């Protein structure tokens, strides 16, 4: 039996990881979350799981050392998410995402943790024109959030090389799925579109809609974390669907899938947003034994079926 800590485990992705790990009762699961950015849906869900829940921050060094006693693996999801949020408050993003990750790595080293798997982001690539994005490309972050995630990767690498703490950084590409908050101004595009479509409200796109994204269903992200923790691999890996769709096409697909009367509206481009995103996922396939199980349409169908009963 392993003892596993999920930081940010009351958040969207973290709650799915905690859910999956707690299913068969074969491991002890601890969730650490300060609930600062967790939506109520995910937080309430996690608190009802058969796990240990600790309310607190990864920037609290004393709490980390206490929490990490006898922990074997850490799946580090805690962060202040969102590019726009980081543009508005770069200091807060840096404190949580860089400072929190550094504090966690130091405490994990001191506590004898076997491996730390950290959530990174495709945003570290920036707007480099070359597609698909490969892990060996030079990063070109365009927002404080992207910089903070890249710094986290560097700290993971240094703690691995310098101190011998095994680390993996997973670069997530546009994760979507159930329990994702659609109501914040910082919400991801997928839940916003689906909730709007189910109410026949406008689907609002920042820019002309030609920008493309590589979307990843949350259950595939969960499996990537579990495989990374159990593998001998270290380093950086893209976690993505490995396919590209424009935001305009996505909006039209959701309108069709939901039978909505919604129309598409175009707004001004947001600062920090990149134009195109597509991942090469061969390294994760070869190094982690991972590939996505869900197509975009399968993930969309599951998400729509999850949301529909609410309307």
C-alpha atoms as a PDB file:
ATOM      1  CA  UNK A   1       0.000   0.000   0.000  1.00  0.00           C
ATOM      2  CA  UNK A   2       1.347   3.413  -0.995  1.00  0.00           C
ATOM      3  CA  UNK A   3       0.557   6.730   0.637  1.00  0.00           C
ATOM      4  CA  UNK A   4      -0.111   9.341  -2.059  1.00  0.00           C
ATOM      5  CA  UNK A   5      -0.504  13.098  -1.645  1.00  0.00           C
ATOM      6  CA  UNK A   6      -2.524  15.022  -4.218  1.00  0.00           C
ATOM      7  CA  UNK A   7      -1.929  18.753  -3.843  1.00  0.00           C
ATOM      8  CA  UNK A   8      -4.725  20.894  -5.233  1.00  0.00           C
ATOM      9  CA  UNK A   9      -6.855  17.778  -4.936  1.00  0.00           C
ATOM     10  CA  UNK A  10     -10.068  19.752  -4.505  1.00  0.00           C
ATOM     11  CA  UNK A  11      -9.607  21.391  -7.888  1.00  0.00           C
ATOM     12  CA  UNK A  12     -10.905  20.212 -11.241  1.00  0.00           C
ATOM     13  CA  UNK A  13      -8.045  17.907 -12.279  1.00  0.00           C
ATOM     14  CA  UNK A  14      -6.986  17.078  -8.735  1.00  0.00           C
ATOM     15  CA  UNK A  15     -10.465  15.891  -7.799  1.00  0.00           C
ATOM     16  CA  UNK A  16     -10.467  13.439 -10.695  1.00  0.00           C
ATOM     17  CA  UNK A  17      -7.055  12.116  -9.656  1.00  0.00           C
ATOM     18  CA  UNK A  18      -8.201  11.682  -6.054  1.00  0.00           C
ATOM     19  CA  UNK A  19     -11.379   9.972  -7.243  1.00  0.00           C
ATOM     20  CA  UNK A  20      -9.511   7.446  -9.379  1.00  0.00           C
ATOM     21  CA  UNK A  21      -6.872   6.693  -6.738  1.00  0.00           C
ATOM     22  CA  UNK A  22      -9.486   6.126  -4.035  1.00  0.00           C
ATOM     23  CA  UNK A  23     -11.646   3.717  -6.053  1.00  0.00           C
ATOM     24  CA  UNK A  24     -10.238   0.360  -4.968  1.00  0.00           C
ATOM     25  CA  UNK A  25      -8.950   1.300  -1.523  1.00  0.00           C
ATOM     26  CA  UNK A  26      -5.508  -0.148  -2.237  1.00  0.00           C
ATOM     27  CA  UNK A  27      -3.692   3.091  -1.337  1.00  0.00           C
ATOM     28  CA  UNK A  28      -3.912   5.807   1.310  1.00  0.00           C
ATOM     29  CA  UNK A  29      -4.877   9.084  -0.364  1.00  0.00           C
ATOM     30  CA  UNK A  30      -4.259  12.509   1.156  1.00  0.00           C
ATOM     31  CA  UNK A  31      -5.553  15.707  -0.436  1.00  0.00           C
ATOM     32  CA  UNK A  32      -4.045  19.088   0.432  1.00  0.00           C
ATOM     33  CA  UNK A  33      -5.896  22.157  -0.848  1.00  0.00           C
ATOM     34  CA  UNK A  34      -6.414  25.683   0.480  1.00  0.00           C
ATOM     35  CA  UNK A  35      -9.677  25.965  -1.535  1.00  0.00           C
ATOM     36  CA  UNK A  36      -8.600  29.386  -2.851  1.00  0.00           C
ATOM     37  CA  UNK A  37      -9.420  28.587  -6.484  1.00  0.00           C
ATOM     38  CA  UNK A  38     -11.282  25.258  -6.170  1.00  0.00           C
ATOM     39  CA  UNK A  39     -14.865  25.385  -7.394  1.00  0.00           C
ATOM     40  CA  UNK A  40     -17.537  24.185  -4.971  1.00  0.00           C
ATOM     41  CA  UNK A  41     -18.500  21.240  -7.167  1.00  0.00           C
ATOM     42  CA  UNK A  42     -15.029  19.687  -7.062  1.00  0.00           C
ATOM     43  CA  UNK A  43     -14.392  20.597  -3.422  1.00  0.00           C
ATOM     44  CA  UNK A  44     -17.654  19.071  -2.182  1.00  0.00           C
ATOM     45  CA  UNK A  45     -17.062  15.962  -4.278  1.00  0.00           C
ATOM     46  CA  UNK A  46     -13.577  15.354  -2.855  1.00  0.00           C
ATOM     47  CA  UNK A  47     -14.636  15.900   0.747  1.00  0.00           C
ATOM     48  CA  UNK A  48     -17.110  13.013   0.350  1.00  0.00           C
ATOM     49  CA  UNK A  49     -14.459  10.561  -0.865  1.00  0.00           C
ATOM     50  CA  UNK A  50     -12.832   7.993   1.417  1.00  0.00           C
ATOM     51  CA  UNK A  51      -9.630  10.016   1.734  1.00  0.00           C
ATOM     52  CA  UNK A  52      -7.829  12.274   4.188  1.00  0.00           C
ATOM     53  CA  UNK A  53      -8.522  15.927   3.426  1.00  0.00           C
ATOM     54  CA  UNK A  54      -6.269  18.686   4.763  1.00  0.00           C
ATOM     55  CA  UNK A  55      -7.136  22.324   4.200  1.00  0.00           C
ATOM     56  CA  UNK A  56      -3.936  24.285   3.724  1.00  0.00           C
ATOM     57  CA  UNK A  57      -1.425  25.716   1.279  1.00  0.00           C
ATOM     58  CA  UNK A  58       1.677  24.308  -0.396  1.00  0.00           C
ATOM     59  CA  UNK A  59       3.415  27.534   0.588  1.00  0.00           C
ATOM     60  CA  UNK A  60       3.122  26.531   4.267  1.00  0.00           C
ATOM     61  CA  UNK A  61       6.474  24.805   4.915  1.00  0.00           C
ATOM     62  CA  UNK A  62       5.604  23.478   8.362  1.00  0.00           C
ATOM     63  CA  UNK A  63       2.286  22.041   7.170  1.00  0.00           C
ATOM     64  CA  UNK A  64       4.008  20.414   4.194  1.00  0.00           C
ATOM     65  CA  UNK A  65       6.514  18.589   6.389  1.00  0.00           C
ATOM     66  CA  UNK A  66       3.726  17.323   8.611  1.00  0.00           C
ATOM     67  CA  UNK A  67       1.551  16.301   5.649  1.00  0.00           C
ATOM     68  CA  UNK A  68       4.381  14.514   3.856  1.00  0.00           C
ATOM     69  CA  UNK A  69       5.174  12.137   6.725  1.00  0.00           C
ATOM     70  CA  UNK A  70       5.266   8.591   5.273  1.00  0.00           C
ATOM     71  CA  UNK A  71       4.111   9.831   1.832  1.00  0.00           C
ATOM     72  CA  UNK A  72       5.529   7.775  -1.053  1.00  0.00           C
ATOM     73  CA  UNK A  73       4.328   9.767  -4.066  1.00  0.00           C
ATOM     74  CA  UNK A  74       3.176  13.318  -4.670  1.00  0.00           C
ATOM     75  CA  UNK A  75       0.908  14.347  -7.559  1.00  0.00           C
ATOM     76  CA  UNK A  76       1.275  18.119  -7.507  1.00  0.00           C
ATOM     77  CA  UNK A  77      -1.719  19.906  -9.041  1.00  0.00           C
ATOM     78  CA  UNK A  78      -1.891  22.918  -6.700  1.00  0.00           C
ATOM     79  CA  UNK A  79      -1.589  26.250  -8.526  1.00  0.00           C
ATOM     80  CA  UNK A  80      -3.345  29.479  -9.311  1.00  0.00           C
ATOM     81  CA  UNK A  81      -4.556  28.571 -12.810  1.00  0.00           C
ATOM     82  CA  UNK A  82      -5.413  30.731 -15.810  1.00  0.00           C
ATOM     83  CA  UNK A  83      -3.392  32.952 -18.115  1.00  0.00           C
ATOM     84  CA  UNK A  84      -5.741  35.970 -17.745  1.00  0.00           C
ATOM     85  CA  UNK A  85      -5.643  35.696 -13.957  1.00  0.00           C
ATOM     86  CA  UNK A  86      -1.833  35.768 -14.020  1.00  0.00           C
ATOM     87  CA  UNK A  87      -1.834  38.812 -16.317  1.00  0.00           C
ATOM     88  CA  UNK A  88      -3.956  40.653 -13.751  1.00  0.00           C
ATOM     89  CA  UNK A  89      -1.954  39.472 -10.723  1.00  0.00           C
ATOM     90  CA  UNK A  90       1.480  38.097 -11.647  1.00  0.00           C
ATOM     91  CA  UNK A  91       2.785  38.245  -8.072  1.00  0.00           C
ATOM     92  CA  UNK A  92       0.089  35.917  -6.766  1.00  0.00           C
ATOM     93  CA  UNK A  93       0.685  33.438  -9.593  1.00  0.00           C
ATOM     94  CA  UNK A  94       4.407  33.448  -8.958  1.00  0.00           C
ATOM     95  CA  UNK A  95       4.016  32.995  -5.202  1.00  0.00           C
ATOM     96  CA  UNK A  96       1.663  30.024  -5.541  1.00  0.00           C
ATOM     97  CA  UNK A  97       3.037  28.345  -8.645  1.00  0.00           C
ATOM     98  CA  UNK A  98       6.772  28.895  -8.252  1.00  0.00           C
ATOM     99  CA  UNK A  99       7.083  29.366  -4.512  1.00  0.00           C
ATOM    100  CA  UNK A 100       4.599  26.607  -3.783  1.00  0.00           C
ATOM    101  CA  UNK A 101       6.338  24.132  -6.094  1.00  0.00           C
ATOM    102  CA  UNK A 102       9.759  24.917  -4.650  1.00  0.00           C
ATOM    103  CA  UNK A 103       8.455  24.521  -1.089  1.00  0.00           C
ATOM    104  CA  UNK A 104       6.848  21.204  -2.024  1.00  0.00           C
ATOM    105  CA  UNK A 105      10.013  19.853  -3.656  1.00  0.00           C
ATOM    106  CA  UNK A 106      12.165  20.808  -0.674  1.00  0.00           C
ATOM    107  CA  UNK A 107       9.739  19.258   1.809  1.00  0.00           C
ATOM    108  CA  UNK A 108       9.406  16.132  -0.367  1.00  0.00           C
ATOM    109  CA  UNK A 109      13.179  15.718  -0.423  1.00  0.00           C
ATOM    110  CA  UNK A 110      13.432  16.118   3.339  1.00  0.00           C
ATOM    111  CA  UNK A 111      10.566  13.664   3.879  1.00  0.00           C
ATOM    112  CA  UNK A 112      11.965  10.871   1.713  1.00  0.00           C
ATOM    113  CA  UNK A 113       9.264  10.991  -0.972  1.00  0.00           C
ATOM    114  CA  UNK A 114      10.023   8.552  -3.795  1.00  0.00           C
ATOM    115  CA  UNK A 115       8.712  10.651  -6.681  1.00  0.00           C
ATOM    116  CA  UNK A 116       6.957  13.938  -7.434  1.00  0.00           C
ATOM    117  CA  UNK A 117       4.768  14.341 -10.526  1.00  0.00           C
ATOM    118  CA  UNK A 118       4.071  18.005 -11.281  1.00  0.00           C
ATOM    119  CA  UNK A 119       1.370  19.571 -13.426  1.00  0.00           C
ATOM    120  CA  UNK A 120       2.916  21.845 -16.035  1.00  0.00           C
ATOM    121  CA  UNK A 121       1.294  23.482 -19.047  1.00  0.00           C
ATOM    122  CA  UNK A 122       1.462  23.706 -22.827  1.00  0.00           C
ATOM    123  CA  UNK A 123       1.570  27.478 -22.331  1.00  0.00           C
ATOM    124  CA  UNK A 124       5.331  27.218 -21.757  1.00  0.00           C
ATOM    125  CA  UNK A 125       5.776  26.809 -25.532  1.00  0.00           C
ATOM    126  CA  UNK A 126       4.253  30.212 -26.239  1.00  0.00           C
ATOM    127  CA  UNK A 127       3.582  31.176 -29.832  1.00  0.00           C
ATOM    128  CA  UNK A 128       6.441  29.362 -31.520  1.00  0.00           C
ATOM    129  CA  UNK A 129       5.155  28.692 -35.062  1.00  0.00           C
ATOM    130  CA  UNK A 130       6.469  25.130 -35.303  1.00  0.00           C
ATOM    131  CA  UNK A 131       3.826  22.426 -34.918  1.00  0.00           C
ATOM    132  CA  UNK A 132       3.487  19.974 -33.322  1.00  0.00           C
ATOM    133  CA  UNK A 133       5.072  21.073 -30.056  1.00  0.00           C
ATOM    134  CA  UNK A 134       7.916  18.771 -29.019  1.00  0.00           C
ATOM    135  CA  UNK A 135       9.483  18.678 -25.553  1.00  0.00           C
ATOM    136  CA  UNK A 136      12.913  19.529 -26.961  1.00  0.00           C
ATOM    137  CA  UNK A 137      11.724  22.882 -28.350  1.00  0.00           C
ATOM    138  CA  UNK A 138      12.964  26.062 -26.691  1.00  0.00           C
ATOM    139  CA  UNK A 139      10.145  27.413 -24.487  1.00  0.00           C
ATOM    140  CA  UNK A 140       8.835  30.900 -25.194  1.00  0.00           C
ATOM    141  CA  UNK A 141       6.309  31.715 -22.429  1.00  0.00           C
ATOM    142  CA  UNK A 142       3.998  34.660 -23.118  1.00  0.00           C
ATOM    143  CA  UNK A 143       2.322  35.133 -19.736  1.00  0.00           C
ATOM    144  CA  UNK A 144       3.230  35.133 -16.039  1.00  0.00           C
ATOM    145  CA  UNK A 145       1.323  31.857 -15.691  1.00  0.00           C
ATOM    146  CA  UNK A 146       3.417  30.226 -18.418  1.00  0.00           C
ATOM    147  CA  UNK A 147       6.631  31.521 -16.845  1.00  0.00           C
ATOM    148  CA  UNK A 148       5.597  30.144 -13.464  1.00  0.00           C
ATOM    149  CA  UNK A 149       4.968  26.701 -14.945  1.00  0.00           C
ATOM    150  CA  UNK A 150       8.316  26.723 -16.742  1.00  0.00           C
ATOM    151  CA  UNK A 151      10.081  27.695 -13.527  1.00  0.00           C
ATOM    152  CA  UNK A 152       8.381  24.764 -11.819  1.00  0.00           C
ATOM    153  CA  UNK A 153       9.757  22.440 -14.493  1.00  0.00           C
ATOM    154  CA  UNK A 154      13.274  23.791 -13.969  1.00  0.00           C
ATOM    155  CA  UNK A 155      13.034  23.303 -10.220  1.00  0.00           C
ATOM    156  CA  UNK A 156      11.836  19.726 -10.791  1.00  0.00           C
ATOM    157  CA  UNK A 157      14.804  19.034 -13.060  1.00  0.00           C
ATOM    158  CA  UNK A 158      17.292  20.563 -10.626  1.00  0.00           C
ATOM    159  CA  UNK A 159      15.926  18.610  -7.651  1.00  0.00           C
ATOM    160  CA  UNK A 160      16.204  15.441  -9.736  1.00  0.00           C
ATOM    161  CA  UNK A 161      19.740  16.103 -11.000  1.00  0.00           C
ATOM    162  CA  UNK A 162      21.170  17.801  -7.910  1.00  0.00           C
ATOM    163  CA  UNK A 163      19.445  16.025  -5.033  1.00  0.00           C
ATOM    164  CA  UNK A 164      18.257  12.745  -6.556  1.00  0.00           C
ATOM    165  CA  UNK A 165      14.524  13.380  -6.039  1.00  0.00           C
ATOM    166  CA  UNK A 166      12.769  11.741  -8.988  1.00  0.00           C
ATOM    167  CA  UNK A 167      10.441  14.176 -10.756  1.00  0.00           C
ATOM    168  CA  UNK A 168       8.181  14.287 -13.792  1.00  0.00           C
ATOM    169  CA  UNK A 169       6.576  17.400 -15.278  1.00  0.00           C
ATOM    170  CA  UNK A 170       3.469  16.828 -17.383  1.00  0.00           C
ATOM    171  CA  UNK A 171       2.654  19.568 -19.877  1.00  0.00           C
ATOM    172  CA  UNK A 172      -1.137  19.509 -20.037  1.00  0.00           C
ATOM    173  CA  UNK A 173      -2.837  20.701 -23.229  1.00  0.00           C
ATOM    174  CA  UNK A 174      -6.305  22.250 -22.677  1.00  0.00           C
ATOM    175  CA  UNK A 175      -7.833  19.794 -20.236  1.00  0.00           C
ATOM    176  CA  UNK A 176     -11.626  19.468 -20.095  1.00  0.00           C
ATOM    177  CA  UNK A 177     -14.218  17.301 -18.388  1.00  0.00           C
ATOM    178  CA  UNK A 178     -16.881  17.074 -15.657  1.00  0.00           C
ATOM    179  CA  UNK A 179     -16.742  19.352 -12.600  1.00  0.00           C
ATOM    180  CA  UNK A 180     -14.936  22.083 -14.526  1.00  0.00           C
ATOM    181  CA  UNK A 181     -16.164  25.521 -13.435  1.00  0.00           C
ATOM    182  CA  UNK A 182     -17.957  27.358 -16.272  1.00  0.00           C
ATOM    183  CA  UNK A 183     -18.925  30.448 -14.326  1.00  0.00           C
ATOM    184  CA  UNK A 184     -15.666  32.230 -13.501  1.00  0.00           C
ATOM    185  CA  UNK A 185     -14.277  34.908 -15.797  1.00  0.00           C
ATOM    186  CA  UNK A 186     -11.165  32.703 -15.887  1.00  0.00           C
ATOM    187  CA  UNK A 187     -12.977  29.510 -16.861  1.00  0.00           C
ATOM    188  CA  UNK A 188     -11.745  27.308 -19.697  1.00  0.00           C
ATOM    189  CA  UNK A 189     -13.475  27.556 -23.059  1.00  0.00           C
ATOM    190  CA  UNK A 190     -15.034  24.072 -23.177  1.00  0.00           C
ATOM    191  CA  UNK A 191     -17.359  24.254 -20.136  1.00  0.00           C
ATOM    192  CA  UNK A 192     -18.264  27.847 -20.962  1.00  0.00           C
ATOM    193  CA  UNK A 193     -19.352  26.847 -24.458  1.00  0.00           C
ATOM    194  CA  UNK A 194     -21.364  23.831 -23.315  1.00  0.00           C
ATOM    195  CA  UNK A 195     -23.199  25.630 -20.526  1.00  0.00           C
ATOM    196  CA  UNK A 196     -23.985  28.539 -22.858  1.00  0.00           C
ATOM    197  CA  UNK A 197     -25.183  26.230 -25.631  1.00  0.00           C
ATOM    198  CA  UNK A 198     -27.511  24.322 -23.317  1.00  0.00           C
ATOM    199  CA  UNK A 199     -29.167  27.627 -22.436  1.00  0.00           C
ATOM    200  CA  UNK A 200     -29.234  28.921 -26.039  1.00  0.00           C
ATOM    201  CA  UNK A 201     -26.928  31.762 -25.022  1.00  0.00           C
ATOM    202  CA  UNK A 202     -24.168  33.189 -27.262  1.00  0.00           C
ATOM    203  CA  UNK A 203     -20.872  31.319 -27.473  1.00  0.00           C
ATOM    204  CA  UNK A 204     -18.245  34.059 -27.125  1.00  0.00           C
ATOM    205  CA  UNK A 205     -14.876  33.666 -28.826  1.00  0.00           C
ATOM    206  CA  UNK A 206     -11.879  35.916 -28.161  1.00  0.00           C
ATOM    207  CA  UNK A 207     -10.598  36.742 -31.644  1.00  0.00           C
ATOM    208  CA  UNK A 208     -11.780  35.467 -35.006  1.00  0.00           C
ATOM    209  CA  UNK A 209     -11.951  31.804 -33.973  1.00  0.00           C
ATOM    210  CA  UNK A 210      -9.148  30.640 -36.257  1.00  0.00           C
ATOM    211  CA  UNK A 211      -6.885  29.931 -33.287  1.00  0.00           C
ATOM    212  CA  UNK A 212      -6.464  26.204 -32.683  1.00  0.00           C
ATOM    213  CA  UNK A 213      -6.166  24.052 -29.588  1.00  0.00           C
ATOM    214  CA  UNK A 214      -5.268  20.467 -28.726  1.00  0.00           C
ATOM    215  CA  UNK A 215      -7.835  19.334 -26.139  1.00  0.00           C
ATOM    216  CA  UNK A 216      -7.294  16.563 -23.574  1.00  0.00           C
ATOM    217  CA  UNK A 217     -10.028  14.733 -21.687  1.00  0.00           C
ATOM    218  CA  UNK A 218      -9.466  14.785 -17.941  1.00  0.00           C
ATOM    219  CA  UNK A 219      -9.549  10.996 -17.512  1.00  0.00           C
ATOM    220  CA  UNK A 220      -6.563  10.738 -19.859  1.00  0.00           C
ATOM    221  CA  UNK A 221      -4.717  13.272 -17.705  1.00  0.00           C
ATOM    222  CA  UNK A 222      -5.487  11.216 -14.590  1.00  0.00           C
ATOM    223  CA  UNK A 223      -4.029   8.101 -16.182  1.00  0.00           C
ATOM    224  CA  UNK A 224      -0.907  10.003 -17.245  1.00  0.00           C
ATOM    225  CA  UNK A 225      -0.282  11.054 -13.638  1.00  0.00           C
ATOM    226  CA  UNK A 226      -0.687   7.527 -12.308  1.00  0.00           C
ATOM    227  CA  UNK A 227       1.550   6.037 -15.004  1.00  0.00           C
ATOM    228  CA  UNK A 228       4.191   8.719 -14.425  1.00  0.00           C
ATOM    229  CA  UNK A 229       4.265   8.021 -10.690  1.00  0.00           C
ATOM    230  CA  UNK A 230       4.638   4.279 -11.234  1.00  0.00           C
ATOM    231  CA  UNK A 231       7.249   4.472 -13.986  1.00  0.00           C
ATOM    232  CA  UNK A 232      11.035   4.857 -13.912  1.00  0.00           C
ATOM    233  CA  UNK A 233      10.758   7.857 -16.236  1.00  0.00           C
ATOM    234  CA  UNK A 234      11.731  11.386 -15.284  1.00  0.00           C
ATOM    235  CA  UNK A 235      11.654  14.686 -17.164  1.00  0.00           C
ATOM    236  CA  UNK A 236       9.065  16.570 -19.190  1.00  0.00           C
ATOM    237  CA  UNK A 237       6.216  14.992 -21.166  1.00  0.00           C
ATOM    238  CA  UNK A 238       3.409  16.411 -23.326  1.00  0.00           C
ATOM    239  CA  UNK A 239      -0.028  15.152 -22.307  1.00  0.00           C
ATOM    240  CA  UNK A 240      -2.558  15.916 -25.030  1.00  0.00           C
ATOM    241  CA  UNK A 241      -5.053  14.539 -27.473  1.00  0.00           C
ATOM    242  CA  UNK A 242      -2.547  14.934 -30.301  1.00  0.00           C
ATOM    243  CA  UNK A 243      -5.144  16.541 -32.576  1.00  0.00           C
ATOM    244  CA  UNK A 244      -6.046  20.098 -33.522  1.00  0.00           C
ATOM    245  CA  UNK A 245      -9.339  21.952 -33.791  1.00  0.00           C
ATOM    246  CA  UNK A 246     -10.108  25.638 -34.262  1.00  0.00           C
ATOM    247  CA  UNK A 247     -12.147  27.404 -31.606  1.00  0.00           C
ATOM    248  CA  UNK A 248     -14.704  28.315 -34.273  1.00  0.00           C
ATOM    249  CA  UNK A 249     -15.076  24.640 -35.229  1.00  0.00           C
ATOM    250  CA  UNK A 250     -15.337  23.692 -31.561  1.00  0.00           C
ATOM    251  CA  UNK A 251     -18.145  26.182 -31.001  1.00  0.00           C
ATOM    252  CA  UNK A 252     -20.034  24.931 -34.041  1.00  0.00           C
ATOM    253  CA  UNK A 253     -19.579  21.292 -32.969  1.00  0.00           C
ATOM    254  CA  UNK A 254     -20.958  22.006 -29.499  1.00  0.00           C
ATOM    255  CA  UNK A 255     -23.956  23.862 -30.931  1.00  0.00           C
ATOM    256  CA  UNK A 256     -24.677  20.870 -33.171  1.00  0.00           C
ATOM    257  CA  UNK A 257     -24.083  18.281 -30.425  1.00  0.00           C
ATOM    258  CA  UNK A 258     -26.420  20.021 -27.991  1.00  0.00           C
ATOM    259  CA  UNK A 259     -29.054  20.957 -30.565  1.00  0.00           C
ATOM    260  CA  UNK A 260     -28.673  24.548 -29.420  1.00  0.00           C
ATOM    261  CA  UNK A 261     -30.059  27.730 -30.947  1.00  0.00           C
ATOM    262  CA  UNK A 262     -26.970  29.627 -29.797  1.00  0.00           C
ATOM    263  CA  UNK A 263     -24.965  31.879 -32.069  1.00  0.00           C
ATOM    264  CA  UNK A 264     -21.244  32.627 -32.035  1.00  0.00           C
ATOM    265  CA  UNK A 265     -20.043  36.078 -30.978  1.00  0.00           C
ATOM    266  CA  UNK A 266     -16.507  37.374 -31.462  1.00  0.00           C
ATOM    267  CA  UNK A 267     -14.759  39.549 -28.878  1.00  0.00           C
ATOM    268  CA  UNK A 268     -11.361  41.258 -28.748  1.00  0.00           C
ATOM    269  CA  UNK A 269      -8.287  39.022 -28.468  1.00  0.00           C
ATOM    270  CA  UNK A 270      -7.132  38.431 -24.862  1.00  0.00           C
ATOM    271  CA  UNK A 271      -3.628  39.316 -23.733  1.00  0.00           C
ATOM    272  CA  UNK A 272      -1.357  36.300 -23.262  1.00  0.00           C
ATOM    273  CA  UNK A 273      -3.417  33.897 -25.385  1.00  0.00           C
ATOM    274  CA  UNK A 274      -1.498  31.867 -27.951  1.00  0.00           C
ATOM    275  CA  UNK A 275      -2.662  31.297 -31.526  1.00  0.00           C
ATOM    276  CA  UNK A 276      -2.046  27.623 -32.202  1.00  0.00           C
ATOM    277  CA  UNK A 277      -1.428  24.517 -30.138  1.00  0.00           C
ATOM    278  CA  UNK A 278      -0.779  20.920 -31.143  1.00  0.00           C
ATOM    279  CA  UNK A 279       1.283  18.357 -29.251  1.00  0.00           C
ATOM    280  CA  UNK A 280       3.650  15.604 -30.268  1.00  0.00           C
ATOM    281  CA  UNK A 281       2.810  12.895 -27.714  1.00  0.00           C
ATOM    282  CA  UNK A 282       5.313  10.243 -28.814  1.00  0.00           C
ATOM    283  CA  UNK A 283       7.590  10.807 -25.800  1.00  0.00           C
ATOM    284  CA  UNK A 284       4.752  10.052 -23.362  1.00  0.00           C
ATOM    285  CA  UNK A 285       3.841   6.984 -25.388  1.00  0.00           C
ATOM    286  CA  UNK A 286       7.421   5.662 -25.358  1.00  0.00           C
ATOM    287  CA  UNK A 287       8.446   6.802 -21.867  1.00  0.00           C
ATOM    288  CA  UNK A 288       5.249   6.367 -19.862  1.00  0.00           C
ATOM    289  CA  UNK A 289       3.311   3.837 -21.914  1.00  0.00           C
ATOM    290  CA  UNK A 290       0.574   6.459 -22.242  1.00  0.00           C
ATOM    291  CA  UNK A 291      -1.703   7.497 -25.068  1.00  0.00           C
ATOM    292  CA  UNK A 292      -5.152   9.112 -24.954  1.00  0.00           C
ATOM    293  CA  UNK A 293      -8.087   6.739 -24.660  1.00  0.00           C
ATOM    294  CA  UNK A 294     -10.652   9.421 -25.519  1.00  0.00           C
ATOM    295  CA  UNK A 295     -11.209  11.201 -28.798  1.00  0.00           C
ATOM    296  CA  UNK A 296     -12.374  14.803 -28.653  1.00  0.00           C
ATOM    297  CA  UNK A 297     -15.888  13.777 -29.643  1.00  0.00           C
ATOM    298  CA  UNK A 298     -16.035  11.053 -26.975  1.00  0.00           C
ATOM    299  CA  UNK A 299     -14.909  13.464 -24.290  1.00  0.00           C
ATOM    300  CA  UNK A 300     -17.356  16.112 -25.476  1.00  0.00           C
ATOM    301  CA  UNK A 301     -20.215  13.612 -25.398  1.00  0.00           C
ATOM    302  CA  UNK A 302     -19.363  12.581 -21.816  1.00  0.00           C
ATOM    303  CA  UNK A 303     -19.160  16.197 -20.696  1.00  0.00           C
ATOM    304  CA  UNK A 304     -22.450  17.147 -22.351  1.00  0.00           C
ATOM    305  CA  UNK A 305     -24.166  14.129 -20.772  1.00  0.00           C
ATOM    306  CA  UNK A 306     -22.797  15.216 -17.386  1.00  0.00           C
ATOM    307  CA  UNK A 307     -24.024  18.804 -17.757  1.00  0.00           C
ATOM    308  CA  UNK A 308     -27.398  18.203 -19.457  1.00  0.00           C
ATOM    309  CA  UNK A 309     -29.359  17.009 -16.376  1.00  0.00           C
ATOM    310  CA  UNK A 310     -28.692  20.401 -14.792  1.00  0.00           C
ATOM    311  CA  UNK A 311     -30.846  22.110 -17.450  1.00  0.00           C
END
